[in-house]
Protein backbone atom coordinates (compact mmCIF):
# COMPACT_ATOMS: atom_id res chain seq x y z
CA UNK A 1 -37.15 55.78 -46.40
CA UNK A 2 -35.84 58.55 -44.26
CA UNK A 3 -36.52 57.17 -40.91
CA UNK A 4 -37.96 53.73 -40.29
CA UNK A 5 -38.72 54.51 -36.72
CA UNK A 6 -41.41 57.04 -37.57
CA UNK A 7 -44.80 56.00 -36.26
CA UNK A 8 -47.79 55.75 -38.62
CA UNK A 9 -49.19 58.84 -37.01
CA UNK A 10 -46.27 60.84 -38.11
CA UNK A 11 -46.19 59.40 -41.54
CA UNK A 12 -49.86 60.08 -42.30
CA UNK A 13 -49.77 63.37 -40.39
CA UNK A 14 -52.64 62.43 -38.14
CA UNK A 15 -53.27 62.80 -34.38
CA UNK A 16 -53.49 59.62 -32.35
CA UNK A 17 -56.80 58.76 -30.73
CA UNK A 18 -56.93 59.42 -27.07
CA UNK A 19 -56.74 56.18 -25.17
CA UNK A 20 -59.73 55.95 -22.89
CA UNK A 21 -58.86 54.29 -19.69
CA UNK A 22 -61.19 53.04 -16.98
CA UNK A 23 -64.25 53.47 -19.16
CA UNK A 24 -66.16 50.46 -20.20
CA UNK A 25 -69.03 50.21 -22.61
CA UNK A 26 -72.01 49.10 -20.55
CA UNK A 27 -74.37 47.07 -22.66
CA UNK A 28 -77.75 46.63 -20.92
CA UNK A 29 -79.33 43.21 -20.87
CA UNK A 30 -82.23 43.26 -23.33
CA UNK A 31 -85.58 42.36 -22.12
CA UNK A 32 -87.17 39.50 -23.93
CA UNK A 33 -90.10 40.75 -26.03
CA UNK A 34 -92.62 38.79 -27.99
CA UNK A 35 -91.30 38.07 -31.41
CA UNK A 36 -93.11 39.80 -34.15
CA UNK A 37 -92.26 36.98 -36.63
CA UNK A 38 -95.37 35.10 -35.53
CA UNK A 39 -98.37 37.28 -36.54
CA UNK A 40 -101.81 36.06 -36.04
CA UNK A 41 -103.94 37.96 -38.42
CA UNK A 42 -107.57 38.31 -37.31
CA UNK A 43 -110.65 38.81 -39.31
CA UNK A 44 -111.53 41.70 -37.06
CA UNK A 45 -109.96 44.92 -38.35
CA UNK A 46 -109.72 46.44 -34.84
CA UNK A 47 -107.67 43.50 -33.55
CA UNK A 48 -105.31 43.85 -36.51
CA UNK A 49 -104.86 47.58 -35.92
CA UNK A 50 -104.19 46.97 -32.25
CA UNK A 51 -101.77 44.21 -33.07
CA UNK A 52 -99.97 46.54 -35.56
CA UNK A 53 -99.71 49.37 -32.93
CA UNK A 54 -98.25 46.90 -30.39
CA UNK A 55 -95.54 45.81 -32.78
CA UNK A 56 -94.75 49.38 -33.71
CA UNK A 57 -94.40 50.22 -30.03
CA UNK A 58 -91.98 47.18 -29.58
CA UNK A 59 -90.00 48.30 -32.60
CA UNK A 60 -89.71 51.84 -31.10
CA UNK A 61 -88.57 50.41 -27.71
CA UNK A 62 -85.88 48.15 -29.32
CA UNK A 63 -84.70 50.96 -31.67
CA UNK A 64 -84.39 53.29 -28.65
CA UNK A 65 -82.22 50.81 -26.85
CA UNK A 66 -79.97 50.30 -29.89
CA UNK A 67 -79.79 54.07 -30.32
CA UNK A 68 -78.58 54.50 -26.79
CA UNK A 69 -75.98 51.81 -27.25
CA UNK A 70 -74.81 53.29 -30.58
CA UNK A 71 -74.54 56.76 -29.09
CA UNK A 72 -72.40 55.37 -26.32
CA UNK A 73 -70.13 53.66 -28.79
CA UNK A 74 -69.83 56.71 -30.94
CA UNK A 75 -69.02 58.93 -27.91
CA UNK A 76 -66.36 56.48 -26.66
CA UNK A 77 -64.69 55.78 -29.97
CA UNK A 78 -65.31 59.05 -31.85
CA UNK A 79 -65.45 56.91 -34.95
CA UNK A 80 -67.20 58.53 -37.95
CA UNK A 81 -68.78 55.24 -38.85
CA UNK A 82 -70.26 54.95 -35.35
CA UNK A 83 -71.63 58.41 -35.69
CA UNK A 84 -73.15 57.58 -39.08
CA UNK A 85 -74.62 54.43 -37.61
CA UNK A 86 -76.21 56.47 -34.79
CA UNK A 87 -77.63 58.92 -37.38
CA UNK A 88 -79.19 56.00 -39.32
CA UNK A 89 -80.72 54.56 -36.22
CA UNK A 90 -82.25 58.05 -35.37
CA UNK A 91 -83.80 58.06 -38.84
CA UNK A 92 -85.11 54.62 -38.38
CA UNK A 93 -86.66 55.64 -35.02
CA UNK A 94 -88.15 58.67 -36.70
CA UNK A 95 -89.68 56.40 -39.43
CA UNK A 96 -91.04 54.03 -36.81
CA UNK A 97 -92.64 56.94 -34.89
CA UNK A 98 -94.27 58.25 -38.10
CA UNK A 99 -95.62 54.73 -38.82
CA UNK A 100 -97.17 54.52 -35.36
CA UNK A 101 -98.78 57.94 -35.75
CA UNK A 102 -100.23 56.87 -39.14
CA UNK A 103 -101.66 53.65 -37.63
CA UNK A 104 -103.18 55.79 -34.74
CA UNK A 105 -104.74 58.13 -37.31
CA UNK A 106 -106.14 55.25 -39.26
CA UNK A 107 -107.61 53.59 -36.19
CA UNK A 108 -109.19 56.94 -35.26
CA UNK A 109 -110.67 57.13 -38.84
CA UNK A 110 -111.93 53.58 -38.54
CA UNK A 111 -113.75 54.23 -35.22
CA UNK A 112 -115.31 57.39 -36.70
CA UNK A 113 -116.56 55.48 -39.73
CA UNK A 114 -117.96 52.77 -37.54
CA UNK A 115 -119.81 55.35 -35.45
CA UNK A 116 -121.24 57.02 -38.63
CA UNK A 117 -122.39 53.61 -40.02
CA UNK A 118 -124.19 52.77 -36.69
CA UNK A 119 -125.92 56.12 -36.61
CA UNK A 120 -126.97 55.69 -40.23
CA UNK A 121 -128.33 52.24 -39.58
CA UNK A 122 -130.25 53.46 -36.55
CA UNK A 123 -131.82 56.34 -38.66
CA UNK A 124 -132.72 53.75 -41.42
CA UNK A 125 -134.37 51.51 -38.84
CA UNK A 126 -136.41 54.44 -37.50
CA UNK A 127 -137.57 55.35 -40.96
CA UNK A 128 -138.87 51.81 -41.78
CA UNK A 129 -142.51 51.88 -42.73
CA UNK A 130 -144.79 48.99 -42.06
CA UNK A 131 -147.44 48.61 -44.68
CA UNK A 132 -148.86 45.41 -43.24
CA UNK A 133 -151.80 46.11 -40.88
CA UNK A 134 -154.41 43.81 -39.32
CA UNK A 135 -157.98 45.03 -38.74
CA UNK A 136 -159.97 43.25 -36.09
CA UNK A 137 -163.58 43.91 -36.37
CA UNK A 138 -166.56 43.42 -38.71
CA UNK A 139 -166.56 44.33 -42.30
CA UNK A 140 -169.27 47.11 -41.63
CA UNK A 141 -166.82 48.73 -39.13
CA UNK A 142 -164.09 48.50 -41.69
CA UNK A 143 -166.25 50.13 -44.39
CA UNK A 144 -167.18 52.95 -42.01
CA UNK A 145 -163.54 53.68 -41.14
CA UNK A 146 -162.52 53.58 -44.88
CA UNK A 147 -165.28 55.97 -45.85
CA UNK A 148 -164.52 58.30 -42.95
CA UNK A 149 -160.87 58.30 -43.99
CA UNK A 150 -161.74 59.10 -47.65
CA UNK A 151 -164.04 61.89 -46.61
CA UNK A 152 -161.30 63.48 -44.45
CA UNK A 153 -158.85 63.19 -47.24
CA UNK A 154 -161.29 64.90 -49.73
CA UNK A 155 -161.97 67.66 -47.24
CA UNK A 156 -158.20 68.26 -46.77
CA UNK A 157 -157.77 68.55 -50.56
CA UNK A 158 -160.67 71.06 -50.75
CA UNK A 159 -159.06 73.19 -47.99
CA UNK A 160 -155.60 73.18 -49.58
């Protein structure tokens, strides 16, 4: 070896990292959020969709906090791995946002389908025909009504 006193920076021909003084990485205290590990699945689809939306929102909030911390670390250290980690967190945040958007769209579709089914059932109820009728009166009155109805029907057919 030529010179044993050469520093590693000179040997590998690299520039030393700047030493950052008086800067500390501030890590915020994380708020306690309900753990998504305990999921109570309901029979009601609306409740499940709401629950899914809430968990996606919590994931977005936590990922945002992690991203801010990762960006601070990357800025302070200028480490390529820290930059890559921040990029991966941004990708995860984007995926979580897309998932929340899909859930919201599905929720909207479900509400539209529910509304359409309710309207359809109301129309069917309105179109229900009751064939059971009760006549209160004497048999002679019933015969007169039946005959008059038949005569009216015959006259209609003649006119058409």
